[in-house]
Amino acid sequence: MLLVRWIFDRPVDRKGIRLVGAFLMVWFLIWGVLRNLIGL
């Protein structure tokens, strides 16, 4: 995962943490929707 390495190699600042948090929230939201669709 090149994107993950790029994010964690950067110096950590509030904007970066907020960006990663938003990305994770969107990822888990999509994952939950896909799991519900597959479950149905």
PDB file of N, CA and C in Angstrom:
ATOM      1  N   MET A   1       0.851  -1.204   0.000  1.00  0.00           N
ATOM      2  CA  MET A   1       0.000   0.000   0.000  1.00  0.00           C
ATOM      3  C   MET A   1       0.881   1.247   0.000  1.00  0.00           C
ATOM      4  N   LEU A   2       1.101   1.790  -1.173  1.00  0.00           N
ATOM      5  CA  LEU A   2       2.002   2.941  -1.315  1.00  0.00           C
ATOM      6  C   LEU A   2       1.422   4.168  -0.621  1.00  0.00           C
ATOM      7  N   LEU A   3       0.096   4.326  -0.700  1.00  0.00           N
ATOM      8  CA  LEU A   3      -0.561   5.496  -0.109  1.00  0.00           C
ATOM      9  C   LEU A   3      -0.381   5.511   1.402  1.00  0.00           C
ATOM     10  N   VAL A   4      -0.523   4.339   2.031  1.00  0.00           N
ATOM     11  CA  VAL A   4      -0.384   4.262   3.488  1.00  0.00           C
ATOM     12  C   VAL A   4       1.032   4.621   3.898  1.00  0.00           C
ATOM     13  N   ARG A   5       2.030   4.099   3.182  1.00  0.00           N
ATOM     14  CA  ARG A   5       3.427   4.410   3.496  1.00  0.00           C
ATOM     15  C   ARG A   5       3.687   5.897   3.318  1.00  0.00           C
ATOM     16  N   TRP A   6       3.117   6.485   2.272  1.00  0.00           N
ATOM     17  CA  TRP A   6       3.332   7.913   2.013  1.00  0.00           C
ATOM     18  C   TRP A   6       2.743   8.748   3.135  1.00  0.00           C
ATOM     19  N   ILE A   7       1.556   8.346   3.630  1.00  0.00           N
ATOM     20  CA  ILE A   7       0.908   9.104   4.710  1.00  0.00           C
ATOM     21  C   ILE A   7       1.731   9.011   5.987  1.00  0.00           C
ATOM     22  N   PHE A   8       2.194   7.804   6.343  1.00  0.00           N
ATOM     23  CA  PHE A   8       2.880   7.628   7.617  1.00  0.00           C
ATOM     24  C   PHE A   8       4.322   8.109   7.578  1.00  0.00           C
ATOM     25  N   ASP A   9       4.901   8.283   6.380  1.00  0.00           N
ATOM     26  CA  ASP A   9       6.269   8.797   6.282  1.00  0.00           C
ATOM     27  C   ASP A   9       6.309  10.309   6.449  1.00  0.00           C
ATOM     28  N   ARG A  10       5.148  10.964   6.289  1.00  0.00           N
ATOM     29  CA  ARG A  10       5.116  12.428   6.408  1.00  0.00           C
ATOM     30  C   ARG A  10       5.128  12.837   7.868  1.00  0.00           C
ATOM     31  N   PRO A  11       5.665  14.016   8.168  1.00  0.00           N
ATOM     32  CA  PRO A  11       5.566  14.536   9.530  1.00  0.00           C
ATOM     33  C   PRO A  11       4.096  14.712   9.905  1.00  0.00           C
ATOM     34  N   VAL A  12       3.769  14.314  11.121  1.00  0.00           N
ATOM     35  CA  VAL A  12       2.366  14.309  11.539  1.00  0.00           C
ATOM     36  C   VAL A  12       1.923  15.707  11.956  1.00  0.00           C
ATOM     37  N   ASP A  13       0.826  16.157  11.390  1.00  0.00           N
ATOM     38  CA  ASP A  13       0.237  17.430  11.801  1.00  0.00           C
ATOM     39  C   ASP A  13      -1.275  17.242  11.900  1.00  0.00           C
ATOM     40  N   ARG A  14      -1.960  18.237  12.420  1.00  0.00           N
ATOM     41  CA  ARG A  14      -3.403  18.091  12.638  1.00  0.00           C
ATOM     42  C   ARG A  14      -4.159  17.882  11.333  1.00  0.00           C
ATOM     43  N   LYS A  15      -3.742  18.574  10.287  1.00  0.00           N
ATOM     44  CA  LYS A  15      -4.429  18.432   9.007  1.00  0.00           C
ATOM     45  C   LYS A  15      -4.271  17.008   8.473  1.00  0.00           C
ATOM     46  N   GLY A  16      -3.062  16.458   8.623  1.00  0.00           N
ATOM     47  CA  GLY A  16      -2.816  15.089   8.161  1.00  0.00           C
ATOM     48  C   GLY A  16      -3.649  14.084   8.937  1.00  0.00           C
ATOM     49  N   ILE A  17      -3.713  14.271  10.270  1.00  0.00           N
ATOM     50  CA  ILE A  17      -4.505  13.363  11.101  1.00  0.00           C
ATOM     51  C   ILE A  17      -5.981  13.455  10.719  1.00  0.00           C
ATOM     52  N   ARG A  18      -6.451  14.665  10.480  1.00  0.00           N
ATOM     53  CA  ARG A  18      -7.855  14.861  10.093  1.00  0.00           C
ATOM     54  C   ARG A  18      -8.122  14.199   8.743  1.00  0.00           C
ATOM     55  N   LEU A  19      -7.167  14.310   7.826  1.00  0.00           N
ATOM     56  CA  LEU A  19      -7.319  13.717   6.499  1.00  0.00           C
ATOM     57  C   LEU A  19      -7.385  12.199   6.600  1.00  0.00           C
ATOM     58  N   VAL A  20      -6.480  11.626   7.396  1.00  0.00           N
ATOM     59  CA  VAL A  20      -6.462  10.170   7.572  1.00  0.00           C
ATOM     60  C   VAL A  20      -7.744   9.706   8.258  1.00  0.00           C
ATOM     61  N   GLY A  21      -8.211  10.471   9.254  1.00  0.00           N
ATOM     62  CA  GLY A  21      -9.447  10.115   9.952  1.00  0.00           C
ATOM     63  C   GLY A  21     -10.639  10.114   9.003  1.00  0.00           C
ATOM     64  N   ALA A  22     -10.721  11.132   8.151  1.00  0.00           N
ATOM     65  CA  ALA A  22     -11.825  11.210   7.193  1.00  0.00           C
ATOM     66  C   ALA A  22     -11.751  10.046   6.203  1.00  0.00           C
ATOM     67  N   PHE A  23     -10.532   9.724   5.759  1.00  0.00           N
ATOM     68  CA  PHE A  23     -10.347   8.620   4.816  1.00  0.00           C
ATOM     69  C   PHE A  23     -10.796   7.302   5.439  1.00  0.00           C
ATOM     70  N   LEU A  24     -10.419   7.084   6.709  1.00  0.00           N
ATOM     71  CA  LEU A  24     -10.801   5.842   7.394  1.00  0.00           C
ATOM     72  C   LEU A  24     -12.311   5.775   7.594  1.00  0.00           C
ATOM     73  N   MET A  25     -12.942   6.902   7.930  1.00  0.00           N
ATOM     74  CA  MET A  25     -14.394   6.898   8.131  1.00  0.00           C
ATOM     75  C   MET A  25     -15.109   6.554   6.822  1.00  0.00           C
ATOM     76  N   VAL A  26     -14.654   7.145   5.709  1.00  0.00           N
ATOM     77  CA  VAL A  26     -15.268   6.851   4.404  1.00  0.00           C
ATOM     78  C   VAL A  26     -15.051   5.383   4.046  1.00  0.00           C
ATOM     79  N   TRP A  27     -13.820   4.872   4.323  1.00  0.00           N
ATOM     80  CA  TRP A  27     -13.501   3.480   3.990  1.00  0.00           C
ATOM     81  C   TRP A  27     -14.400   2.519   4.763  1.00  0.00           C
ATOM     82  N   PHE A  28     -14.571   2.765   6.091  1.00  0.00           N
ATOM     83  CA  PHE A  28     -15.410   1.876   6.889  1.00  0.00           C
ATOM     84  C   PHE A  28     -16.876   1.995   6.482  1.00  0.00           C
ATOM     85  N   LEU A  29     -17.298   3.197   6.073  1.00  0.00           N
ATOM     86  CA  LEU A  29     -18.677   3.380   5.622  1.00  0.00           C
ATOM     87  C   LEU A  29     -18.933   2.554   4.362  1.00  0.00           C
ATOM     88  N   ILE A  30     -18.014   2.646   3.384  1.00  0.00           N
ATOM     89  CA  ILE A  30     -18.143   1.869   2.145  1.00  0.00           C
ATOM     90  C   ILE A  30     -18.090   0.377   2.453  1.00  0.00           C
ATOM     91  N   TRP A  31     -17.170  -0.029   3.358  1.00  0.00           N
ATOM     92  CA  TRP A  31     -17.026  -1.447   3.711  1.00  0.00           C
ATOM     93  C   TRP A  31     -18.319  -1.974   4.337  1.00  0.00           C
ATOM     94  N   GLY A  32     -18.941  -1.184   5.217  1.00  0.00           N
ATOM     95  CA  GLY A  32     -20.194  -1.597   5.848  1.00  0.00           C
ATOM     96  C   GLY A  32     -21.309  -1.749   4.821  1.00  0.00           C
ATOM     97  N   VAL A  33     -21.395  -0.814   3.874  1.00  0.00           N
ATOM     98  CA  VAL A  33     -22.429  -0.890   2.837  1.00  0.00           C
ATOM     99  C   VAL A  33     -22.215  -2.129   1.974  1.00  0.00           C
ATOM    100  N   LEU A  34     -20.967  -2.399   1.601  1.00  0.00           N
ATOM    101  CA  LEU A  34     -20.679  -3.576   0.777  1.00  0.00           C
ATOM    102  C   LEU A  34     -21.009  -4.857   1.536  1.00  0.00           C
ATOM    103  N   ARG A  35     -20.696  -4.901   2.832  1.00  0.00           N
ATOM    104  CA  ARG A  35     -21.004  -6.091   3.632  1.00  0.00           C
ATOM    105  C   ARG A  35     -22.511  -6.310   3.698  1.00  0.00           C
ATOM    106  N   ASN A  36     -23.282  -5.224   3.845  1.00  0.00           N
ATOM    107  CA  ASN A  36     -24.741  -5.347   3.895  1.00  0.00           C
ATOM    108  C   ASN A  36     -25.293  -5.831   2.548  1.00  0.00           C
ATOM    109  N   LEU A  37     -24.732  -5.317   1.456  1.00  0.00           N
ATOM    110  CA  LEU A  37     -25.200  -5.735   0.132  1.00  0.00           C
ATOM    111  C   LEU A  37     -24.880  -7.204  -0.109  1.00  0.00           C
ATOM    112  N   ILE A  38     -23.686  -7.642   0.276  1.00  0.00           N
ATOM    113  CA  ILE A  38     -23.300  -9.046   0.093  1.00  0.00           C
ATOM    114  C   ILE A  38     -24.140  -9.935   1.013  1.00  0.00           C
ATOM    115  N   GLY A  39     -24.415  -9.444   2.225  1.00  0.00           N
ATOM    116  CA  GLY A  39     -25.220 -10.212   3.179  1.00  0.00           C
ATOM    117  C   GLY A  39     -26.645 -10.427   2.674  1.00  0.00           C
ATOM    118  N   LEU A  40     -27.185  -9.403   1.991  1.00  0.00           N
ATOM    119  CA  LEU A  40     -28.535  -9.528   1.441  1.00  0.00           C
ATOM    120  C   LEU A  40     -28.516 -10.434   0.215  1.00  0.00           C
TER     121      LEU A  40
END
